[in-house]
Amino acid sequence: MSIKIRLGYTLDAASVTKNALAREAKVRPNLIYDLCEGKTKRLDLDTLNNIVNTLRAMTGNDYTLTDVLEYIPNDDKG
């Protein structure tokens, strides 16, 4: 199993810049950049909630966790 961070794709589709999201969500810009580049290994749930809620407020779209994260199951058949 793996989790892929889709935040960069979502920001591009919404025409929201990384800096604008960081500013509005009141998080470090480096956090947003690291998320978009797949460099983040751990993410606080409150921070994730804040990012999704900020995206919703900035765009008026109904974003959910699946717009930010993607679950990829293992292909092991045993």
PDB file of N, CA and C in Angstrom:
ATOM      1  N   MET A   1       0.835  -1.169   0.000  1.00  0.00           N
ATOM      2  CA  MET A   1       0.000   0.000   0.000  1.00  0.00           C
ATOM      3  C   MET A   1       0.884   1.236   0.000  1.00  0.00           C
ATOM      4  N   SER A   2       0.433   2.249  -0.660  1.00  0.00           N
ATOM      5  CA  SER A   2       1.107   3.534  -0.591  1.00  0.00           C
ATOM      6  C   SER A   2       0.068   4.644  -0.722  1.00  0.00           C
ATOM      7  N   ILE A   3       0.458   5.793  -0.264  1.00  0.00           N
ATOM      8  CA  ILE A   3      -0.382   6.970  -0.353  1.00  0.00           C
ATOM      9  C   ILE A   3       0.343   7.972  -1.241  1.00  0.00           C
ATOM     10  N   LYS A   4      -0.318   8.415  -2.281  1.00  0.00           N
ATOM     11  CA  LYS A   4       0.245   9.405  -3.187  1.00  0.00           C
ATOM     12  C   LYS A   4      -0.403  10.750  -2.878  1.00  0.00           C
ATOM     13  N   ILE A   5       0.415  11.772  -2.771  1.00  0.00           N
ATOM     14  CA  ILE A   5      -0.099  13.114  -2.514  1.00  0.00           C
ATOM     15  C   ILE A   5      -0.411  13.770  -3.852  1.00  0.00           C
ATOM     16  N   ARG A   6      -1.653  14.171  -4.027  1.00  0.00           N
ATOM     17  CA  ARG A   6      -2.146  14.751  -5.280  1.00  0.00           C
ATOM     18  C   ARG A   6      -2.337  16.262  -5.190  1.00  0.00           C
ATOM     19  N   LEU A   7      -1.809  16.887  -4.165  1.00  0.00           N
ATOM     20  CA  LEU A   7      -2.068  18.303  -3.931  1.00  0.00           C
ATOM     21  C   LEU A   7      -1.623  19.175  -5.102  1.00  0.00           C
ATOM     22  N   GLY A   8      -0.467  18.871  -5.677  1.00  0.00           N
ATOM     23  CA  GLY A   8       0.024  19.674  -6.805  1.00  0.00           C
ATOM     24  C   GLY A   8      -0.941  19.664  -7.977  1.00  0.00           C
ATOM     25  N   TYR A   9      -1.449  18.493  -8.307  1.00  0.00           N
ATOM     26  CA  TYR A   9      -2.424  18.356  -9.393  1.00  0.00           C
ATOM     27  C   TYR A   9      -3.693  19.148  -9.081  1.00  0.00           C
ATOM     28  N   THR A  10      -4.167  19.048  -7.845  1.00  0.00           N
ATOM     29  CA  THR A  10      -5.380  19.749  -7.445  1.00  0.00           C
ATOM     30  C   THR A  10      -5.189  21.259  -7.508  1.00  0.00           C
ATOM     31  N   LEU A  11      -4.042  21.739  -7.055  1.00  0.00           N
ATOM     32  CA  LEU A  11      -3.768  23.178  -7.123  1.00  0.00           C
ATOM     33  C   LEU A  11      -3.717  23.658  -8.565  1.00  0.00           C
ATOM     34  N   ASP A  12      -3.064  22.895  -9.427  1.00  0.00           N
ATOM     35  CA  ASP A  12      -3.006  23.263 -10.848  1.00  0.00           C
ATOM     36  C   ASP A  12      -4.401  23.334 -11.450  1.00  0.00           C
ATOM     37  N   ALA A  13      -5.225  22.339 -11.172  1.00  0.00           N
ATOM     38  CA  ALA A  13      -6.581  22.292 -11.717  1.00  0.00           C
ATOM     39  C   ALA A  13      -7.431  23.440 -11.198  1.00  0.00           C
ATOM     40  N   ALA A  14      -7.167  23.878  -9.977  1.00  0.00           N
ATOM     41  CA  ALA A  14      -7.948  24.955  -9.366  1.00  0.00           C
ATOM     42  C   ALA A  14      -7.353  26.332  -9.631  1.00  0.00           C
ATOM     43  N   SER A  15      -6.196  26.374 -10.307  1.00  0.00           N
ATOM     44  CA  SER A  15      -5.473  27.630 -10.558  1.00  0.00           C
ATOM     45  C   SER A  15      -5.149  28.366  -9.258  1.00  0.00           C
ATOM     46  N   VAL A  16      -4.721  27.605  -8.261  1.00  0.00           N
ATOM     47  CA  VAL A  16      -4.296  28.160  -6.972  1.00  0.00           C
ATOM     48  C   VAL A  16      -2.795  27.935  -6.861  1.00  0.00           C
ATOM     49  N   THR A  17      -2.062  28.984  -6.503  1.00  0.00           N
ATOM     50  CA  THR A  17      -0.619  28.834  -6.367  1.00  0.00           C
ATOM     51  C   THR A  17      -0.274  28.239  -5.004  1.00  0.00           C
ATOM     52  N   LYS A  18       0.879  27.635  -4.936  1.00  0.00           N
ATOM     53  CA  LYS A  18       1.356  27.055  -3.682  1.00  0.00           C
ATOM     54  C   LYS A  18       1.512  28.135  -2.625  1.00  0.00           C
ATOM     55  N   ASN A  19       2.057  29.279  -3.026  1.00  0.00           N
ATOM     56  CA  ASN A  19       2.251  30.373  -2.073  1.00  0.00           C
ATOM     57  C   ASN A  19       0.923  30.911  -1.562  1.00  0.00           C
ATOM     58  N   ALA A  20      -0.066  31.037  -2.442  1.00  0.00           N
ATOM     59  CA  ALA A  20      -1.377  31.528  -2.016  1.00  0.00           C
ATOM     60  C   ALA A  20      -2.006  30.568  -1.015  1.00  0.00           C
ATOM     61  N   LEU A  21      -1.914  29.261  -1.276  1.00  0.00           N
ATOM     62  CA  LEU A  21      -2.469  28.279  -0.346  1.00  0.00           C
ATOM     63  C   LEU A  21      -1.754  28.351   0.993  1.00  0.00           C
ATOM     64  N   ALA A  22      -0.436  28.423   0.971  1.00  0.00           N
ATOM     65  CA  ALA A  22       0.331  28.500   2.215  1.00  0.00           C
ATOM     66  C   ALA A  22      -0.059  29.739   3.015  1.00  0.00           C
ATOM     67  N   ARG A  23      -0.168  30.863   2.339  1.00  0.00           N
ATOM     68  CA  ARG A  23      -0.525  32.115   3.009  1.00  0.00           C
ATOM     69  C   ARG A  23      -1.916  32.022   3.636  1.00  0.00           C
ATOM     70  N   GLU A  24      -2.887  31.557   2.872  1.00  0.00           N
ATOM     71  CA  GLU A  24      -4.269  31.489   3.356  1.00  0.00           C
ATOM     72  C   GLU A  24      -4.450  30.423   4.438  1.00  0.00           C
ATOM     73  N   ALA A  25      -3.720  29.313   4.322  1.00  0.00           N
ATOM     74  CA  ALA A  25      -3.823  28.233   5.307  1.00  0.00           C
ATOM     75  C   ALA A  25      -2.947  28.493   6.531  1.00  0.00           C
ATOM     76  N   LYS A  26      -2.121  29.536   6.436  1.00  0.00           N
ATOM     77  CA  LYS A  26      -1.204  29.889   7.526  1.00  0.00           C
ATOM     78  C   LYS A  26      -0.272  28.735   7.882  1.00  0.00           C
ATOM     79  N   VAL A  27       0.321  28.154   6.827  1.00  0.00           N
ATOM     80  CA  VAL A  27       1.335  27.116   6.991  1.00  0.00           C
ATOM     81  C   VAL A  27       2.593  27.561   6.255  1.00  0.00           C
ATOM     82  N   ARG A  28       3.699  26.919   6.571  1.00  0.00           N
ATOM     83  CA  ARG A  28       4.966  27.260   5.912  1.00  0.00           C
ATOM     84  C   ARG A  28       4.875  26.933   4.416  1.00  0.00           C
ATOM     85  N   PRO A  29       5.322  27.830   3.563  1.00  0.00           N
ATOM     86  CA  PRO A  29       5.337  27.523   2.126  1.00  0.00           C
ATOM     87  C   PRO A  29       6.105  26.249   1.816  1.00  0.00           C
ATOM     88  N   ASN A  30       7.189  25.988   2.564  1.00  0.00           N
ATOM     89  CA  ASN A  30       7.977  24.781   2.318  1.00  0.00           C
ATOM     90  C   ASN A  30       7.147  23.519   2.515  1.00  0.00           C
ATOM     91  N   LEU A  31       6.184  23.549   3.427  1.00  0.00           N
ATOM     92  CA  LEU A  31       5.314  22.397   3.638  1.00  0.00           C
ATOM     93  C   LEU A  31       4.495  22.122   2.381  1.00  0.00           C
ATOM     94  N   ILE A  32       3.920  23.153   1.806  1.00  0.00           N
ATOM     95  CA  ILE A  32       3.108  22.993   0.597  1.00  0.00           C
ATOM     96  C   ILE A  32       3.979  22.519  -0.556  1.00  0.00           C
ATOM     97  N   TYR A  33       5.160  23.111  -0.723  1.00  0.00           N
ATOM     98  CA  TYR A  33       6.065  22.686  -1.788  1.00  0.00           C
ATOM     99  C   TYR A  33       6.478  21.226  -1.610  1.00  0.00           C
ATOM    100  N   ASP A  34       6.824  20.840  -0.383  1.00  0.00           N
ATOM    101  CA  ASP A  34       7.212  19.452  -0.122  1.00  0.00           C
ATOM    102  C   ASP A  34       6.061  18.488  -0.399  1.00  0.00           C
ATOM    103  N   LEU A  35       4.843  18.867  -0.025  1.00  0.00           N
ATOM    104  CA  LEU A  35       3.684  18.024  -0.314  1.00  0.00           C
ATOM    105  C   LEU A  35       3.517  17.842  -1.818  1.00  0.00           C
ATOM    106  N   CYS A  36       3.615  18.926  -2.554  1.00  0.00           N
ATOM    107  CA  CYS A  36       3.419  18.868  -4.007  1.00  0.00           C
ATOM    108  C   CYS A  36       4.507  18.078  -4.711  1.00  0.00           C
ATOM    109  N   GLU A  37       5.694  18.056  -4.142  1.00  0.00           N
ATOM    110  CA  GLU A  37       6.811  17.339  -4.743  1.00  0.00           C
ATOM    111  C   GLU A  37       6.950  15.913  -4.198  1.00  0.00           C
ATOM    112  N   GLY A  38       6.037  15.495  -3.332  1.00  0.00           N
ATOM    113  CA  GLY A  38       6.071  14.140  -2.793  1.00  0.00           C
ATOM    114  C   GLY A  38       7.191  13.891  -1.803  1.00  0.00           C
ATOM    115  N   LYS A  39       7.700  14.926  -1.174  1.00  0.00           N
ATOM    116  CA  LYS A  39       8.817  14.785  -0.249  1.00  0.00           C
ATOM    117  C   LYS A  39       8.364  14.595   1.205  1.00  0.00           C
ATOM    118  N   THR A  40       7.073  14.718   1.461  1.00  0.00           N
ATOM    119  CA  THR A  40       6.557  14.630   2.822  1.00  0.00           C
ATOM    120  C   THR A  40       6.265  13.174   3.174  1.00  0.00           C
ATOM    121  N   LYS A  41       6.748  12.734   4.320  1.00  0.00           N
ATOM    122  CA  LYS A  41       6.512  11.369   4.783  1.00  0.00           C
ATOM    123  C   LYS A  41       5.409  11.314   5.833  1.00  0.00           C
ATOM    124  N   ARG A  42       5.224  12.394   6.569  1.00  0.00           N
ATOM    125  CA  ARG A  42       4.205  12.456   7.620  1.00  0.00           C
ATOM    126  C   ARG A  42       3.451  13.771   7.493  1.00  0.00           C
ATOM    127  N   LEU A  43       2.166  13.697   7.794  1.00  0.00           N
ATOM    128  CA  LEU A  43       1.339  14.888   7.719  1.00  0.00           C
ATOM    129  C   LEU A  43       0.356  14.872   8.877  1.00  0.00           C
ATOM    130  N   ASP A  44       0.367  15.922   9.652  1.00  0.00           N
ATOM    131  CA  ASP A  44      -0.541  16.060  10.776  1.00  0.00           C
ATOM    132  C   ASP A  44      -1.978  16.166  10.262  1.00  0.00           C
ATOM    133  N   LEU A  45      -2.899  15.453  10.891  1.00  0.00           N
ATOM    134  CA  LEU A  45      -4.289  15.453  10.436  1.00  0.00           C
ATOM    135  C   LEU A  45      -4.934  16.828  10.535  1.00  0.00           C
ATOM    136  N   ASP A  46      -4.598  17.598  11.548  1.00  0.00           N
ATOM    137  CA  ASP A  46      -5.138  18.958  11.657  1.00  0.00           C
ATOM    138  C   ASP A  46      -4.650  19.830  10.502  1.00  0.00           C
ATOM    139  N   THR A  47      -3.407  19.651  10.120  1.00  0.00           N
ATOM    140  CA  THR A  47      -2.857  20.405   8.995  1.00  0.00           C
ATOM    141  C   THR A  47      -3.542  20.003   7.695  1.00  0.00           C
ATOM    142  N   LEU A  48      -3.745  18.712   7.504  1.00  0.00           N
ATOM    143  CA  LEU A  48      -4.434  18.222   6.317  1.00  0.00           C
ATOM    144  C   LEU A  48      -5.852  18.788   6.257  1.00  0.00           C
ATOM    145  N   ASN A  49      -6.552  18.768   7.373  1.00  0.00           N
ATOM    146  CA  ASN A  49      -7.892  19.325   7.458  1.00  0.00           C
ATOM    147  C   ASN A  49      -7.882  20.810   7.106  1.00  0.00           C
ATOM    148  N   ASN A  50      -6.906  21.519   7.625  1.00  0.00           N
ATOM    149  CA  ASN A  50      -6.770  22.946   7.358  1.00  0.00           C
ATOM    150  C   ASN A  50      -6.545  23.209   5.867  1.00  0.00           C
ATOM    151  N   ILE A  51      -5.707  22.416   5.226  1.00  0.00           N
ATOM    152  CA  ILE A  51      -5.425  22.585   3.800  1.00  0.00           C
ATOM    153  C   ILE A  51      -6.682  22.355   2.970  1.00  0.00           C
ATOM    154  N   VAL A  52      -7.421  21.292   3.264  1.00  0.00           N
ATOM    155  CA  VAL A  52      -8.644  21.005   2.511  1.00  0.00           C
ATOM    156  C   VAL A  52      -9.675  22.110   2.728  1.00  0.00           C
ATOM    157  N   ASN A  53      -9.857  22.536   3.972  1.00  0.00           N
ATOM    158  CA  ASN A  53     -10.821  23.599   4.255  1.00  0.00           C
ATOM    159  C   ASN A  53     -10.426  24.917   3.596  1.00  0.00           C
ATOM    160  N   THR A  54      -9.138  25.204   3.563  1.00  0.00           N
ATOM    161  CA  THR A  54      -8.665  26.431   2.920  1.00  0.00           C
ATOM    162  C   THR A  54      -8.892  26.371   1.416  1.00  0.00           C
ATOM    163  N   LEU A  55      -8.633  25.217   0.796  1.00  0.00           N
ATOM    164  CA  LEU A  55      -8.916  25.055  -0.631  1.00  0.00           C
ATOM    165  C   LEU A  55     -10.397  25.288  -0.931  1.00  0.00           C
ATOM    166  N   ARG A  56     -11.241  24.770  -0.084  1.00  0.00           N
ATOM    167  CA  ARG A  56     -12.684  24.962  -0.252  1.00  0.00           C
ATOM    168  C   ARG A  56     -13.043  26.435  -0.166  1.00  0.00           C
ATOM    169  N   ALA A  57     -12.495  27.123   0.825  1.00  0.00           N
ATOM    170  CA  ALA A  57     -12.799  28.540   1.017  1.00  0.00           C
ATOM    171  C   ALA A  57     -12.264  29.396  -0.129  1.00  0.00           C
ATOM    172  N   MET A  58     -11.082  29.062  -0.627  1.00  0.00           N
ATOM    173  CA  MET A  58     -10.457  29.855  -1.691  1.00  0.00           C
ATOM    174  C   MET A  58     -11.167  29.689  -3.030  1.00  0.00           C
ATOM    175  N   THR A  59     -11.697  28.506  -3.287  1.00  0.00           N
ATOM    176  CA  THR A  59     -12.229  28.215  -4.620  1.00  0.00           C
ATOM    177  C   THR A  59     -13.745  28.092  -4.675  1.00  0.00           C
ATOM    178  N   GLY A  60     -14.364  27.825  -3.536  1.00  0.00           N
ATOM    179  CA  GLY A  60     -15.798  27.574  -3.539  1.00  0.00           C
ATOM    180  C   GLY A  60     -16.153  26.175  -4.019  1.00  0.00           C
ATOM    181  N   ASN A  61     -15.142  25.336  -4.254  1.00  0.00           N
ATOM    182  CA  ASN A  61     -15.364  23.954  -4.683  1.00  0.00           C
ATOM    183  C   ASN A  61     -15.399  23.031  -3.467  1.00  0.00           C
ATOM    184  N   ASP A  62     -16.053  21.910  -3.626  1.00  0.00           N
ATOM    185  CA  ASP A  62     -16.239  20.958  -2.535  1.00  0.00           C
ATOM    186  C   ASP A  62     -15.114  19.922  -2.534  1.00  0.00           C
ATOM    187  N   TYR A  63     -13.929  20.322  -2.108  1.00  0.00           N
ATOM    188  CA  TYR A  63     -12.786  19.411  -2.073  1.00  0.00           C
ATOM    189  C   TYR A  63     -12.887  18.458  -0.897  1.00  0.00           C
ATOM    190  N   THR A  64     -12.334  17.257  -1.070  1.00  0.00           N
ATOM    191  CA  THR A  64     -12.280  16.250  -0.011  1.00  0.00           C
ATOM    192  C   THR A  64     -10.859  15.705   0.058  1.00  0.00           C
ATOM    193  N   LEU A  65     -10.641  14.759   0.945  1.00  0.00           N
ATOM    194  CA  LEU A  65      -9.318  14.146   1.079  1.00  0.00           C
ATOM    195  C   LEU A  65      -8.851  13.494  -0.216  1.00  0.00           C
ATOM    196  N   THR A  66      -9.773  12.950  -0.989  1.00  0.00           N
ATOM    197  CA  THR A  66      -9.381  12.267  -2.226  1.00  0.00           C
ATOM    198  C   THR A  66      -8.854  13.237  -3.280  1.00  0.00           C
ATOM    199  N   ASP A  67      -9.061  14.518  -3.084  1.00  0.00           N
ATOM    200  CA  ASP A  67      -8.477  15.510  -3.978  1.00  0.00           C
ATOM    201  C   ASP A  67      -7.042  15.839  -3.594  1.00  0.00           C
ATOM    202  N   VAL A  68      -6.654  15.437  -2.391  1.00  0.00           N
ATOM    203  CA  VAL A  68      -5.318  15.728  -1.879  1.00  0.00           C
ATOM    204  C   VAL A  68      -4.478  14.459  -1.755  1.00  0.00           C
ATOM    205  N   LEU A  69      -5.122  13.342  -1.417  1.00  0.00           N
ATOM    206  CA  LEU A  69      -4.427  12.070  -1.218  1.00  0.00           C
ATOM    207  C   LEU A  69      -5.042  10.984  -2.081  1.00  0.00           C
ATOM    208  N   GLU A  70      -4.206  10.040  -2.506  1.00  0.00           N
ATOM    209  CA  GLU A  70      -4.691   8.884  -3.259  1.00  0.00           C
ATOM    210  C   GLU A  70      -4.115   7.618  -2.641  1.00  0.00           C
ATOM    211  N   TYR A  71      -4.981   6.677  -2.334  1.00  0.00           N
ATOM    212  CA  TYR A  71      -4.567   5.390  -1.802  1.00  0.00           C
ATOM    213  C   TYR A  71      -4.289   4.439  -2.955  1.00  0.00           C
ATOM    214  N   ILE A  72      -3.108   3.824  -2.940  1.00  0.00           N
ATOM    215  CA  ILE A  72      -2.729   2.874  -3.973  1.00  0.00           C
ATOM    216  C   ILE A  72      -2.462   1.540  -3.285  1.00  0.00           C
ATOM    217  N   PRO A  73      -3.385   0.558  -3.448  1.00  0.00           N
ATOM    218  CA  PRO A  73      -3.202  -0.726  -2.773  1.00  0.00           C
ATOM    219  C   PRO A  73      -2.051  -1.522  -3.384  1.00  0.00           C
ATOM    220  N   ASN A  74      -1.498  -2.415  -2.575  1.00  0.00           N
ATOM    221  CA  ASN A  74      -0.470  -3.325  -3.090  1.00  0.00           C
ATOM    222  C   ASN A  74      -1.088  -4.230  -4.128  1.00  0.00           C
ATOM    223  N   ASP A  75      -0.270  -4.646  -5.058  1.00  0.00           N
ATOM    224  CA  ASP A  75      -0.757  -5.553  -6.102  1.00  0.00           C
ATOM    225  C   ASP A  75      -0.342  -6.992  -5.789  1.00  0.00           C
ATOM    226  N   ASP A  76      -0.012  -7.237  -4.494  1.00  0.00           N
ATOM    227  CA  ASP A  76       0.401  -8.581  -4.082  1.00  0.00           C
ATOM    228  C   ASP A  76      -0.797  -9.530  -4.103  1.00  0.00           C
ATOM    229  N   LYS A  77      -0.662 -10.617  -4.798  1.00  0.00           N
ATOM    230  CA  LYS A  77      -1.717 -11.630  -4.842  1.00  0.00           C
ATOM    231  C   LYS A  77      -1.382 -12.819  -3.949  1.00  0.00           C
ATOM    232  N   GLY A  78      -0.211 -12.717  -3.278  1.00  0.00           N
ATOM    233  CA  GLY A  78       0.167 -13.741  -2.319  1.00  0.00           C
ATOM    234  C   GLY A  78       0.839 -14.847  -2.966  1.00  0.00           C
TER     235      GLY A  78
END
